[in-house]
Amino acid sequence: NSIRFFLQELLEKDGHRVTAVASGEEALERIAEKKFDLALVDLK
């Protein structure tokens, strides 16, 4: 949570539109819904 929240806050302050999720399953749902320019992915 802390990493996800920190990155989201930082990137939104720079004007980016951020979607933050906590699992691979959620990520796959979002990827199917819309396109992203950048993905920051925790491998574990």
PDB file of all heavy atoms in Angstrom:
ATOM      1  N   ASN A   1       0.808  -1.223   0.000  1.00  0.00           N
ATOM      2  CA  ASN A   1       0.000   0.000   0.000  1.00  0.00           C
ATOM      3  C   ASN A   1       0.837   1.266   0.000  1.00  0.00           C
ATOM      4  O   ASN A   1       0.543   2.201  -0.737  1.00  0.00           O
ATOM      5  CB  ASN A   1      -0.945   0.024   1.203  1.00  0.00           C
ATOM      6  CG  ASN A   1      -2.061  -0.977   1.083  1.00  0.00           C
ATOM      7  OD1 ASN A   1      -2.448  -1.362  -0.011  1.00  0.00           O
ATOM      8  ND2 ASN A   1      -2.574  -1.412   2.213  1.00  0.00           N
ATOM      9  N   SER A   2       1.875   1.301   0.825  1.00  0.00           N
ATOM     10  CA  SER A   2       2.659   2.534   0.965  1.00  0.00           C
ATOM     11  C   SER A   2       3.371   2.889  -0.346  1.00  0.00           C
ATOM     12  O   SER A   2       3.409   4.054  -0.736  1.00  0.00           O
ATOM     13  CB  SER A   2       3.661   2.411   2.113  1.00  0.00           C
ATOM     14  OG  SER A   2       4.538   1.324   1.885  1.00  0.00           O
ATOM     15  N   ILE A   3       3.910   1.910  -1.015  1.00  0.00           N
ATOM     16  CA  ILE A   3       4.604   2.168  -2.284  1.00  0.00           C
ATOM     17  C   ILE A   3       3.601   2.624  -3.338  1.00  0.00           C
ATOM     18  O   ILE A   3       3.835   3.594  -4.061  1.00  0.00           O
ATOM     19  CB  ILE A   3       5.376   0.924  -2.756  1.00  0.00           C
ATOM     20  CG1 ILE A   3       6.533   0.663  -1.808  1.00  0.00           C
ATOM     21  CG2 ILE A   3       5.868   1.095  -4.195  1.00  0.00           C
ATOM     22  CD1 ILE A   3       7.275  -0.623  -2.059  1.00  0.00           C
ATOM     23  N   ARG A   4       2.487   1.907  -3.417  1.00  0.00           N
ATOM     24  CA  ARG A   4       1.449   2.245  -4.402  1.00  0.00           C
ATOM     25  C   ARG A   4       0.938   3.667  -4.176  1.00  0.00           C
ATOM     26  O   ARG A   4       0.842   4.463  -5.107  1.00  0.00           O
ATOM     27  CB  ARG A   4       0.315   1.220  -4.297  1.00  0.00           C
ATOM     28  CG  ARG A   4      -0.586   1.165  -5.470  1.00  0.00           C
ATOM     29  CD  ARG A   4      -1.550  -0.017  -5.411  1.00  0.00           C
ATOM     30  NE  ARG A   4      -2.395  -0.005  -4.232  1.00  0.00           N
ATOM     31  CZ  ARG A   4      -2.321  -0.891  -3.239  1.00  0.00           C
ATOM     32  NH1 ARG A   4      -1.456  -1.880  -3.285  1.00  0.00           N
ATOM     33  NH2 ARG A   4      -3.129  -0.797  -2.206  1.00  0.00           N
ATOM     34  N   PHE A   5       0.638   3.999  -2.933  1.00  0.00           N
ATOM     35  CA  PHE A   5       0.121   5.327  -2.601  1.00  0.00           C
ATOM     36  C   PHE A   5       1.150   6.408  -2.906  1.00  0.00           C
ATOM     37  O   PHE A   5       0.834   7.438  -3.515  1.00  0.00           O
ATOM     38  CB  PHE A   5      -0.273   5.380  -1.120  1.00  0.00           C
ATOM     39  CG  PHE A   5      -0.776   6.720  -0.690  1.00  0.00           C
ATOM     40  CD1 PHE A   5      -2.059   7.126  -1.011  1.00  0.00           C
ATOM     41  CD2 PHE A   5       0.037   7.584   0.028  1.00  0.00           C
ATOM     42  CE1 PHE A   5      -2.529   8.375  -0.615  1.00  0.00           C
ATOM     43  CE2 PHE A   5      -0.421   8.824   0.419  1.00  0.00           C
ATOM     44  CZ  PHE A   5      -1.698   9.223   0.105  1.00  0.00           C
ATOM     45  N   PHE A   6       2.410   6.188  -2.518  1.00  0.00           N
ATOM     46  CA  PHE A   6       3.466   7.182  -2.749  1.00  0.00           C
ATOM     47  C   PHE A   6       3.647   7.465  -4.239  1.00  0.00           C
ATOM     48  O   PHE A   6       3.685   8.622  -4.666  1.00  0.00           O
ATOM     49  CB  PHE A   6       4.786   6.701  -2.137  1.00  0.00           C
ATOM     50  CG  PHE A   6       5.950   7.576  -2.480  1.00  0.00           C
ATOM     51  CD1 PHE A   6       6.124   8.802  -1.863  1.00  0.00           C
ATOM     52  CD2 PHE A   6       6.866   7.186  -3.449  1.00  0.00           C
ATOM     53  CE1 PHE A   6       7.192   9.625  -2.193  1.00  0.00           C
ATOM     54  CE2 PHE A   6       7.931   7.999  -3.790  1.00  0.00           C
ATOM     55  CZ  PHE A   6       8.096   9.221  -3.155  1.00  0.00           C
ATOM     56  N   LEU A   7       3.765   6.398  -5.033  1.00  0.00           N
ATOM     57  CA  LEU A   7       3.951   6.582  -6.473  1.00  0.00           C
ATOM     58  C   LEU A   7       2.752   7.284  -7.114  1.00  0.00           C
ATOM     59  O   LEU A   7       2.911   8.168  -7.948  1.00  0.00           O
ATOM     60  CB  LEU A   7       4.194   5.238  -7.155  1.00  0.00           C
ATOM     61  CG  LEU A   7       5.529   4.564  -6.868  1.00  0.00           C
ATOM     62  CD1 LEU A   7       5.556   3.155  -7.440  1.00  0.00           C
ATOM     63  CD2 LEU A   7       6.674   5.402  -7.410  1.00  0.00           C
ATOM     64  N   GLN A   8       1.556   6.898  -6.693  1.00  0.00           N
ATOM     65  CA  GLN A   8       0.360   7.517  -7.254  1.00  0.00           C
ATOM     66  C   GLN A   8       0.324   9.006  -6.939  1.00  0.00           C
ATOM     67  O   GLN A   8       0.090   9.826  -7.829  1.00  0.00           O
ATOM     68  CB  GLN A   8      -0.900   6.831  -6.716  1.00  0.00           C
ATOM     69  CG  GLN A   8      -2.169   7.388  -7.321  1.00  0.00           C
ATOM     70  CD  GLN A   8      -3.395   6.591  -6.935  1.00  0.00           C
ATOM     71  OE1 GLN A   8      -3.336   5.667  -6.133  1.00  0.00           O
ATOM     72  NE2 GLN A   8      -4.519   6.937  -7.519  1.00  0.00           N
ATOM     73  N   GLU A   9       0.554   9.369  -5.697  1.00  0.00           N
ATOM     74  CA  GLU A   9       0.550  10.784  -5.302  1.00  0.00           C
ATOM     75  C   GLU A   9       1.608  11.575  -6.071  1.00  0.00           C
ATOM     76  O   GLU A   9       1.334  12.665  -6.575  1.00  0.00           O
ATOM     77  CB  GLU A   9       0.801  10.917  -3.789  1.00  0.00           C
ATOM     78  CG  GLU A   9      -0.352  10.468  -2.938  1.00  0.00           C
ATOM     79  CD  GLU A   9      -1.548  11.390  -3.058  1.00  0.00           C
ATOM     80  OE1 GLU A   9      -1.370  12.619  -2.939  1.00  0.00           O
ATOM     81  OE2 GLU A   9      -2.662  10.879  -3.283  1.00  0.00           O
ATOM     82  N   LEU A  10       2.795  11.046  -6.152  1.00  0.00           N
ATOM     83  CA  LEU A  10       3.899  11.723  -6.827  1.00  0.00           C
ATOM     84  C   LEU A  10       3.589  11.961  -8.306  1.00  0.00           C
ATOM     85  O   LEU A  10       3.768  13.063  -8.827  1.00  0.00           O
ATOM     86  CB  LEU A  10       5.176  10.884  -6.685  1.00  0.00           C
ATOM     87  CG  LEU A  10       6.445  11.462  -7.272  1.00  0.00           C
ATOM     88  CD1 LEU A  10       6.903  12.653  -6.443  1.00  0.00           C
ATOM     89  CD2 LEU A  10       7.523  10.396  -7.316  1.00  0.00           C
ATOM     90  N   LEU A  11       3.095  10.936  -8.967  1.00  0.00           N
ATOM     91  CA  LEU A  11       2.821  11.040 -10.404  1.00  0.00           C
ATOM     92  C   LEU A  11       1.600  11.909 -10.694  1.00  0.00           C
ATOM     93  O   LEU A  11       1.581  12.643 -11.684  1.00  0.00           O
ATOM     94  CB  LEU A  11       2.664   9.651 -11.011  1.00  0.00           C
ATOM     95  CG  LEU A  11       3.955   8.821 -11.006  1.00  0.00           C
ATOM     96  CD1 LEU A  11       3.655   7.364 -11.303  1.00  0.00           C
ATOM     97  CD2 LEU A  11       4.956   9.391 -11.987  1.00  0.00           C
ATOM     98  N   GLU A  12       0.597  11.865  -9.838  1.00  0.00           N
ATOM     99  CA  GLU A  12      -0.579  12.721 -10.040  1.00  0.00           C
ATOM    100  C   GLU A  12      -0.231  14.191  -9.838  1.00  0.00           C
ATOM    101  O   GLU A  12      -0.769  15.052 -10.538  1.00  0.00           O
ATOM    102  CB  GLU A  12      -1.713  12.297  -9.114  1.00  0.00           C
ATOM    103  CG  GLU A  12      -2.385  11.026  -9.556  1.00  0.00           C
ATOM    104  CD  GLU A  12      -3.486  10.530  -8.647  1.00  0.00           C
ATOM    105  OE1 GLU A  12      -3.548  10.954  -7.469  1.00  0.00           O
ATOM    106  OE2 GLU A  12      -4.282   9.708  -9.104  1.00  0.00           O
ATOM    107  N   LYS A  13       0.676  14.481  -8.911  1.00  0.00           N
ATOM    108  CA  LYS A  13       1.117  15.866  -8.715  1.00  0.00           C
ATOM    109  C   LYS A  13       1.795  16.411  -9.961  1.00  0.00           C
ATOM    110  O   LYS A  13       1.779  17.608 -10.216  1.00  0.00           O
ATOM    111  CB  LYS A  13       2.061  15.971  -7.516  1.00  0.00           C
ATOM    112  CG  LYS A  13       1.362  15.916  -6.198  1.00  0.00           C
ATOM    113  CD  LYS A  13       2.335  16.060  -5.047  1.00  0.00           C
ATOM    114  CE  LYS A  13       1.594  15.912  -3.736  1.00  0.00           C
ATOM    115  NZ  LYS A  13       2.513  15.974  -2.586  1.00  0.00           N
ATOM    116  N   ASP A  14       2.397  15.525 -10.757  1.00  0.00           N
ATOM    117  CA  ASP A  14       3.038  15.928 -12.010  1.00  0.00           C
ATOM    118  C   ASP A  14       2.049  15.973 -13.170  1.00  0.00           C
ATOM    119  O   ASP A  14       2.436  16.200 -14.309  1.00  0.00           O
ATOM    120  CB  ASP A  14       4.174  14.969 -12.369  1.00  0.00           C
ATOM    121  CG  ASP A  14       5.475  15.315 -11.666  1.00  0.00           C
ATOM    122  OD1 ASP A  14       5.580  16.420 -11.105  1.00  0.00           O
ATOM    123  OD2 ASP A  14       6.387  14.477 -11.690  1.00  0.00           O
ATOM    124  N   GLY A  15       0.761  15.707 -12.876  1.00  0.00           N
ATOM    125  CA  GLY A  15      -0.270  15.835 -13.892  1.00  0.00           C
ATOM    126  C   GLY A  15      -0.618  14.567 -14.656  1.00  0.00           C
ATOM    127  O   GLY A  15      -1.361  14.620 -15.635  1.00  0.00           O
ATOM    128  N   HIS A  16      -0.097  13.443 -14.219  1.00  0.00           N
ATOM    129  CA  HIS A  16      -0.392  12.182 -14.896  1.00  0.00           C
ATOM    130  C   HIS A  16      -1.706  11.589 -14.393  1.00  0.00           C
ATOM    131  O   HIS A  16      -2.114  11.834 -13.260  1.00  0.00           O
ATOM    132  CB  HIS A  16       0.739  11.180 -14.683  1.00  0.00           C
ATOM    133  CG  HIS A  16       2.053  11.669 -15.191  1.00  0.00           C
ATOM    134  ND1 HIS A  16       2.340  11.764 -16.536  1.00  0.00           N
ATOM    135  CD2 HIS A  16       3.155  12.124 -14.545  1.00  0.00           C
ATOM    136  CE1 HIS A  16       3.566  12.237 -16.692  1.00  0.00           C
ATOM    137  NE2 HIS A  16       4.073  12.472 -15.497  1.00  0.00           N
ATOM    138  N   ARG A  17      -2.335  10.803 -15.251  1.00  0.00           N
ATOM    139  CA  ARG A  17      -3.550  10.068 -14.867  1.00  0.00           C
ATOM    140  C   ARG A  17      -3.105   8.678 -14.442  1.00  0.00           C
ATOM    141  O   ARG A  17      -2.567   7.920 -15.252  1.00  0.00           O
ATOM    142  CB  ARG A  17      -4.530  10.013 -16.023  1.00  0.00           C
ATOM    143  CG  ARG A  17      -5.094  11.418 -16.340  1.00  0.00           C
ATOM    144  CD  ARG A  17      -5.788  11.435 -17.645  1.00  0.00           C
ATOM    145  NE  ARG A  17      -4.713  11.398 -18.676  1.00  0.00           N
ATOM    146  CZ  ARG A  17      -4.909  11.234 -19.952  1.00  0.00           C
ATOM    147  NH1 ARG A  17      -6.118  11.084 -20.424  1.00  0.00           N
ATOM    148  NH2 ARG A  17      -3.908  11.220 -20.811  1.00  0.00           N
ATOM    149  N   VAL A  18      -3.323   8.366 -13.167  1.00  0.00           N
ATOM    150  CA  VAL A  18      -2.773   7.152 -12.584  1.00  0.00           C
ATOM    151  C   VAL A  18      -3.880   6.191 -12.162  1.00  0.00           C
ATOM    152  O   VAL A  18      -4.856   6.599 -11.536  1.00  0.00           O
ATOM    153  CB  VAL A  18      -1.892   7.490 -11.357  1.00  0.00           C
ATOM    154  CG1 VAL A  18      -1.352   6.224 -10.718  1.00  0.00           C
ATOM    155  CG2 VAL A  18      -0.757   8.430 -11.751  1.00  0.00           C
ATOM    156  N   THR A  19      -3.682   4.929 -12.514  1.00  0.00           N
ATOM    157  CA  THR A  19      -4.515   3.850 -12.012  1.00  0.00           C
ATOM    158  C   THR A  19      -3.586   2.968 -11.188  1.00  0.00           C
ATOM    159  O   THR A  19      -2.548   2.528 -11.687  1.00  0.00           O
ATOM    160  CB  THR A  19      -5.115   3.025 -13.172  1.00  0.00           C
ATOM    161  OG1 THR A  19      -5.915   3.882 -13.985  1.00  0.00           O
ATOM    162  CG2 THR A  19      -5.960   1.873 -12.649  1.00  0.00           C
ATOM    163  N   ALA A  20      -3.934   2.734  -9.922  1.00  0.00           N
ATOM    164  CA  ALA A  20      -3.091   1.931  -9.044  1.00  0.00           C
ATOM    165  C   ALA A  20      -3.872   0.715  -8.564  1.00  0.00           C
ATOM    166  O   ALA A  20      -5.003   0.850  -8.090  1.00  0.00           O
ATOM    167  CB  ALA A  20      -2.623   2.768  -7.862  1.00  0.00           C
ATOM    168  N   VAL A  21      -3.277  -0.453  -8.707  1.00  0.00           N
ATOM    169  CA  VAL A  21      -3.919  -1.700  -8.294  1.00  0.00           C
ATOM    170  C   VAL A  21      -2.958  -2.521  -7.441  1.00  0.00           C
ATOM    171  O   VAL A  21      -1.742  -2.342  -7.504  1.00  0.00           O
ATOM    172  CB  VAL A  21      -4.403  -2.526  -9.508  1.00  0.00           C
ATOM    173  CG1 VAL A  21      -5.449  -1.755 -10.293  1.00  0.00           C
ATOM    174  CG2 VAL A  21      -3.252  -2.936 -10.397  1.00  0.00           C
ATOM    175  N   ALA A  22      -3.536  -3.450  -6.660  1.00  0.00           N
ATOM    176  CA  ALA A  22      -2.753  -4.213  -5.697  1.00  0.00           C
ATOM    177  C   ALA A  22      -2.433  -5.637  -6.130  1.00  0.00           C
ATOM    178  O   ALA A  22      -1.731  -6.344  -5.411  1.00  0.00           O
ATOM    179  CB  ALA A  22      -3.495  -4.243  -4.360  1.00  0.00           C
ATOM    180  N   SER A  23      -2.936  -6.071  -7.285  1.00  0.00           N
ATOM    181  CA  SER A  23      -2.699  -7.467  -7.681  1.00  0.00           C
ATOM    182  C   SER A  23      -2.574  -7.605  -9.191  1.00  0.00           C
ATOM    183  O   SER A  23      -3.024  -6.747  -9.951  1.00  0.00           O
ATOM    184  CB  SER A  23      -3.846  -8.351  -7.187  1.00  0.00           C
ATOM    185  OG  SER A  23      -5.026  -8.073  -7.926  1.00  0.00           O
ATOM    186  N   GLY A  24      -1.994  -8.717  -9.581  1.00  0.00           N
ATOM    187  CA  GLY A  24      -1.890  -9.025 -11.001  1.00  0.00           C
ATOM    188  C   GLY A  24      -3.254  -9.212 -11.639  1.00  0.00           C
ATOM    189  O   GLY A  24      -3.477  -8.817 -12.781  1.00  0.00           O
ATOM    190  N   GLU A  25      -4.172  -9.799 -10.886  1.00  0.00           N
ATOM    191  CA  GLU A  25      -5.527 -10.002 -11.393  1.00  0.00           C
ATOM    192  C   GLU A  25      -6.202  -8.667 -11.714  1.00  0.00           C
ATOM    193  O   GLU A  25      -6.799  -8.515 -12.784  1.00  0.00           O
ATOM    194  CB  GLU A  25      -6.375 -10.787 -10.372  1.00  0.00           C
ATOM    195  CG  GLU A  25      -5.953 -12.226 -10.183  1.00  0.00           C
ATOM    196  CD  GLU A  25      -4.774 -12.417  -9.222  1.00  0.00           C
ATOM    197  OE1 GLU A  25      -4.261 -11.437  -8.656  1.00  0.00           O
ATOM    198  OE2 GLU A  25      -4.357 -13.564  -9.046  1.00  0.00           O
ATOM    199  N   GLU A  26      -6.086  -7.716 -10.794  1.00  0.00           N
ATOM    200  CA  GLU A  26      -6.652  -6.376 -11.027  1.00  0.00           C
ATOM    201  C   GLU A  26      -5.975  -5.705 -12.214  1.00  0.00           C
ATOM    202  O   GLU A  26      -6.631  -5.025 -13.009  1.00  0.00           O
ATOM    203  CB  GLU A  26      -6.474  -5.488  -9.792  1.00  0.00           C
ATOM    204  CG  GLU A  26      -7.353  -5.825  -8.623  1.00  0.00           C
ATOM    205  CD  GLU A  26      -7.065  -4.895  -7.458  1.00  0.00           C
ATOM    206  OE1 GLU A  26      -6.111  -5.171  -6.709  1.00  0.00           O
ATOM    207  OE2 GLU A  26      -7.792  -3.881  -7.318  1.00  0.00           O
ATOM    208  N   ALA A  27      -4.682  -5.886 -12.318  1.00  0.00           N
ATOM    209  CA  ALA A  27      -3.938  -5.282 -13.426  1.00  0.00           C
ATOM    210  C   ALA A  27      -4.449  -5.792 -14.766  1.00  0.00           C
ATOM    211  O   ALA A  27      -4.664  -5.001 -15.691  1.00  0.00           O
ATOM    212  CB  ALA A  27      -2.450  -5.583 -13.275  1.00  0.00           C
ATOM    213  N   LEU A  28      -4.667  -7.103 -14.877  1.00  0.00           N
ATOM    214  CA  LEU A  28      -5.140  -7.663 -16.139  1.00  0.00           C
ATOM    215  C   LEU A  28      -6.525  -7.133 -16.498  1.00  0.00           C
ATOM    216  O   LEU A  28      -6.816  -6.888 -17.668  1.00  0.00           O
ATOM    217  CB  LEU A  28      -5.140  -9.186 -16.076  1.00  0.00           C
ATOM    218  CG  LEU A  28      -3.761  -9.838 -15.941  1.00  0.00           C
ATOM    219  CD1 LEU A  28      -3.901 -11.356 -15.904  1.00  0.00           C
ATOM    220  CD2 LEU A  28      -2.821  -9.400 -17.033  1.00  0.00           C
ATOM    221  N   GLU A  29      -7.366  -6.917 -15.487  1.00  0.00           N
ATOM    222  CA  GLU A  29      -8.687  -6.324 -15.742  1.00  0.00           C
ATOM    223  C   GLU A  29      -8.549  -4.919 -16.305  1.00  0.00           C
ATOM    224  O   GLU A  29      -9.225  -4.553 -17.270  1.00  0.00           O
ATOM    225  CB  GLU A  29      -9.506  -6.281 -14.450  1.00  0.00           C
ATOM    226  CG  GLU A  29      -9.967  -7.624 -13.962  1.00  0.00           C
ATOM    227  CD  GLU A  29     -10.650  -7.556 -12.607  1.00  0.00           C
ATOM    228  OE1 GLU A  29     -11.003  -6.433 -12.150  1.00  0.00           O
ATOM    229  OE2 GLU A  29     -10.832  -8.621 -11.999  1.00  0.00           O
ATOM    230  N   ARG A  30      -7.674  -4.111 -15.714  1.00  0.00           N
ATOM    231  CA  ARG A  30      -7.486  -2.728 -16.175  1.00  0.00           C
ATOM    232  C   ARG A  30      -6.873  -2.684 -17.567  1.00  0.00           C
ATOM    233  O   ARG A  30      -7.253  -1.866 -18.398  1.00  0.00           O
ATOM    234  CB  ARG A  30      -6.613  -1.934 -15.203  1.00  0.00           C
ATOM    235  CG  ARG A  30      -7.154  -1.749 -13.814  1.00  0.00           C
ATOM    236  CD  ARG A  30      -8.558  -1.162 -13.788  1.00  0.00           C
ATOM    237  NE  ARG A  30      -9.082  -1.114 -12.443  1.00  0.00           N
ATOM    238  CZ  ARG A  30      -9.666  -2.126 -11.796  1.00  0.00           C
ATOM    239  NH1 ARG A  30      -9.803  -3.293 -12.383  1.00  0.00           N
ATOM    240  NH2 ARG A  30     -10.121  -1.989 -10.569  1.00  0.00           N
ATOM    241  N   ILE A  31      -5.921  -3.579 -17.823  1.00  0.00           N
ATOM    242  CA  ILE A  31      -5.271  -3.632 -19.133  1.00  0.00           C
ATOM    243  C   ILE A  31      -6.293  -3.956 -20.216  1.00  0.00           C
ATOM    244  O   ILE A  31      -6.229  -3.430 -21.332  1.00  0.00           O
ATOM    245  CB  ILE A  31      -4.126  -4.665 -19.122  1.00  0.00           C
ATOM    246  CG1 ILE A  31      -2.993  -4.179 -18.218  1.00  0.00           C
ATOM    247  CG2 ILE A  31      -3.620  -4.941 -20.530  1.00  0.00           C
ATOM    248  CD1 ILE A  31      -1.984  -5.251 -17.846  1.00  0.00           C
ATOM    249  N   ALA A  32      -7.251  -4.807 -19.895  1.00  0.00           N
ATOM    250  CA  ALA A  32      -8.298  -5.169 -20.861  1.00  0.00           C
ATOM    251  C   ALA A  32      -9.254  -4.003 -21.110  1.00  0.00           C
ATOM    252  O   ALA A  32      -9.837  -3.891 -22.184  1.00  0.00           O
ATOM    253  CB  ALA A  32      -9.080  -6.375 -20.353  1.00  0.00           C
ATOM    254  N   GLU A  33      -9.393  -3.105 -20.121  1.00  0.00           N
ATOM    255  CA  GLU A  33     -10.333  -1.983 -20.214  1.00  0.00           C
ATOM    256  C   GLU A  33      -9.775  -0.797 -20.990  1.00  0.00           C
ATOM    257  O   GLU A  33     -10.497  -0.122 -21.707  1.00  0.00           O
ATOM    258  CB  GLU A  33     -10.730  -1.499 -18.817  1.00  0.00           C
ATOM    259  CG  GLU A  33     -11.502  -2.494 -18.015  1.00  0.00           C
ATOM    260  CD  GLU A  33     -11.676  -2.061 -16.564  1.00  0.00           C
ATOM    261  OE1 GLU A  33     -11.166  -1.000 -16.162  1.00  0.00           O
ATOM    262  OE2 GLU A  33     -12.332  -2.805 -15.833  1.00  0.00           O
ATOM    263  N   LYS A  34      -8.493  -0.488 -20.773  1.00  0.00           N
ATOM    264  CA  LYS A  34      -7.928   0.691 -21.428  1.00  0.00           C
ATOM    265  C   LYS A  34      -6.434   0.552 -21.636  1.00  0.00           C
ATOM    266  O   LYS A  34      -5.801  -0.334 -21.084  1.00  0.00           O
ATOM    267  CB  LYS A  34      -8.246   1.957 -20.633  1.00  0.00           C
ATOM    268  CG  LYS A  34      -7.622   2.055 -19.267  1.00  0.00           C
ATOM    269  CD  LYS A  34      -8.039   3.362 -18.605  1.00  0.00           C
ATOM    270  CE  LYS A  34      -7.392   3.557 -17.267  1.00  0.00           C
ATOM    271  NZ  LYS A  34      -7.772   4.823 -16.663  1.00  0.00           N
ATOM    272  N   LYS A  35      -5.901   1.457 -22.431  1.00  0.00           N
ATOM    273  CA  LYS A  35      -4.477   1.462 -22.753  1.00  0.00           C
ATOM    274  C   LYS A  35      -3.730   2.399 -21.811  1.00  0.00           C
ATOM    275  O   LYS A  35      -4.255   3.424 -21.389  1.00  0.00           O
ATOM    276  CB  LYS A  35      -4.250   1.922 -24.193  1.00  0.00           C
ATOM    277  CG  LYS A  35      -4.946   1.059 -25.226  1.00  0.00           C
ATOM    278  CD  LYS A  35      -4.394  -0.340 -25.235  1.00  0.00           C
ATOM    279  CE  LYS A  35      -5.103  -1.177 -26.293  1.00  0.00           C
ATOM    280  NZ  LYS A  35      -4.911  -2.587 -26.100  1.00  0.00           N
ATOM    281  N   PHE A  36      -2.491   2.044 -21.529  1.00  0.00           N
ATOM    282  CA  PHE A  36      -1.625   2.854 -20.669  1.00  0.00           C
ATOM    283  C   PHE A  36      -0.340   3.190 -21.425  1.00  0.00           C
ATOM    284  O   PHE A  36       0.128   2.404 -22.246  1.00  0.00           O
ATOM    285  CB  PHE A  36      -1.282   2.094 -19.385  1.00  0.00           C
ATOM    286  CG  PHE A  36      -2.474   1.843 -18.513  1.00  0.00           C
ATOM    287  CD1 PHE A  36      -3.200   0.670 -18.614  1.00  0.00           C
ATOM    288  CD2 PHE A  36      -2.888   2.799 -17.607  1.00  0.00           C
ATOM    289  CE1 PHE A  36      -4.305   0.440 -17.821  1.00  0.00           C
ATOM    290  CE2 PHE A  36      -4.005   2.592 -16.807  1.00  0.00           C
ATOM    291  CZ  PHE A  36      -4.712   1.406 -16.920  1.00  0.00           C
ATOM    292  N   ASP A  37       0.221   4.353 -21.095  1.00  0.00           N
ATOM    293  CA  ASP A  37       1.494   4.751 -21.686  1.00  0.00           C
ATOM    294  C   ASP A  37       2.672   4.091 -20.970  1.00  0.00           C
ATOM    295  O   ASP A  37       3.699   3.806 -21.569  1.00  0.00           O
ATOM    296  CB  ASP A  37       1.655   6.276 -21.615  1.00  0.00           C
ATOM    297  CG  ASP A  37       0.550   6.995 -22.353  1.00  0.00           C
ATOM    298  OD1 ASP A  37       0.297   6.647 -23.526  1.00  0.00           O
ATOM    299  OD2 ASP A  37      -0.083   7.890 -21.760  1.00  0.00           O
ATOM    300  N   LEU A  38       2.490   3.887 -19.659  1.00  0.00           N
ATOM    301  CA  LEU A  38       3.564   3.366 -18.810  1.00  0.00           C
ATOM    302  C   LEU A  38       2.969   2.450 -17.757  1.00  0.00           C
ATOM    303  O   LEU A  38       1.899   2.742 -17.217  1.00  0.00           O
ATOM    304  CB  LEU A  38       4.297   4.530 -18.134  1.00  0.00           C
ATOM    305  CG  LEU A  38       5.357   4.202 -17.091  1.00  0.00           C
ATOM    306  CD1 LEU A  38       6.572   3.559 -17.741  1.00  0.00           C
ATOM    307  CD2 LEU A  38       5.762   5.462 -16.333  1.00  0.00           C
ATOM    308  N   ALA A  39       3.673   1.366 -17.441  1.00  0.00           N
ATOM    309  CA  ALA A  39       3.272   0.473 -16.358  1.00  0.00           C
ATOM    310  C   ALA A  39       4.464   0.263 -15.438  1.00  0.00           C
ATOM    311  O   ALA A  39       5.563  -0.071 -15.890  1.00  0.00           O
ATOM    312  CB  ALA A  39       2.780  -0.854 -16.907  1.00  0.00           C
ATOM    313  N   LEU A  40       4.241   0.487 -14.147  1.00  0.00           N
ATOM    314  CA  LEU A  40       5.248   0.225 -13.127  1.00  0.00           C
ATOM    315  C   LEU A  40       4.795  -1.049 -12.425  1.00  0.00           C
ATOM    316  O   LEU A  40       3.755  -1.059 -11.757  1.00  0.00           O
ATOM    317  CB  LEU A  40       5.339   1.387 -12.142  1.00  0.00           C
ATOM    318  CG  LEU A  40       5.677   2.741 -12.767  1.00  0.00           C
ATOM    319  CD1 LEU A  40       5.598   3.851 -11.728  1.00  0.00           C
ATOM    320  CD2 LEU A  40       7.051   2.709 -13.396  1.00  0.00           C
ATOM    321  N   VAL A  41       5.563  -2.116 -12.556  1.00  0.00           N
ATOM    322  CA  VAL A  41       5.110  -3.443 -12.139  1.00  0.00           C
ATOM    323  C   VAL A  41       6.030  -4.042 -11.081  1.00  0.00           C
ATOM    324  O   VAL A  41       7.228  -4.208 -11.311  1.00  0.00           O
ATOM    325  CB  VAL A  41       5.053  -4.399 -13.353  1.00  0.00           C
ATOM    326  CG1 VAL A  41       4.495  -5.751 -12.950  1.00  0.00           C
ATOM    327  CG2 VAL A  41       4.239  -3.792 -14.492  1.00  0.00           C
ATOM    328  N   ASP A  42       5.442  -4.380  -9.937  1.00  0.00           N
ATOM    329  CA  ASP A  42       6.137  -5.149  -8.907  1.00  0.00           C
ATOM    330  C   ASP A  42       6.180  -6.589  -9.409  1.00  0.00           C
ATOM    331  O   ASP A  42       5.139  -7.173  -9.730  1.00  0.00           O
ATOM    332  CB  ASP A  42       5.363  -5.053  -7.591  1.00  0.00           C
ATOM    333  CG  ASP A  42       5.998  -5.840  -6.453  1.00  0.00           C
ATOM    334  OD1 ASP A  42       7.042  -6.481  -6.663  1.00  0.00           O
ATOM    335  OD2 ASP A  42       5.433  -5.825  -5.345  1.00  0.00           O
ATOM    336  N   LEU A  43       7.354  -7.178  -9.502  1.00  0.00           N
ATOM    337  CA  LEU A  43       7.466  -8.525 -10.056  1.00  0.00           C
ATOM    338  C   LEU A  43       7.026  -9.605  -9.073  1.00  0.00           C
ATOM    339  O   LEU A  43       6.613 -10.684  -9.479  1.00  0.00           O
ATOM    340  CB  LEU A  43       8.901  -8.793 -10.519  1.00  0.00           C
ATOM    341  CG  LEU A  43       9.384  -7.912 -11.673  1.00  0.00           C
ATOM    342  CD1 LEU A  43      10.824  -8.250 -12.021  1.00  0.00           C
ATOM    343  CD2 LEU A  43       8.485  -8.053 -12.886  1.00  0.00           C
ATOM    344  N   LYS A  44       7.093  -9.317  -7.781  1.00  0.00           N
ATOM    345  CA  LYS A  44       6.736 -10.310  -6.765  1.00  0.00           C
ATOM    346  C   LYS A  44       5.355 -10.010  -6.202  1.00  0.00           C
ATOM    347  O   LYS A  44       5.206  -9.316  -5.198  1.00  0.00           O
ATOM    348  CB  LYS A  44       7.779 -10.323  -5.653  1.00  0.00           C
ATOM    349  CG  LYS A  44       9.138 -10.777  -6.135  1.00  0.00           C
ATOM    350  CD  LYS A  44      10.117 -10.825  -5.013  1.00  0.00           C
ATOM    351  CE  LYS A  44      11.481 -11.257  -5.529  1.00  0.00           C
ATOM    352  NZ  LYS A  44      12.472 -11.323  -4.465  1.00  0.00           N
TER     353      LYS A  44
END
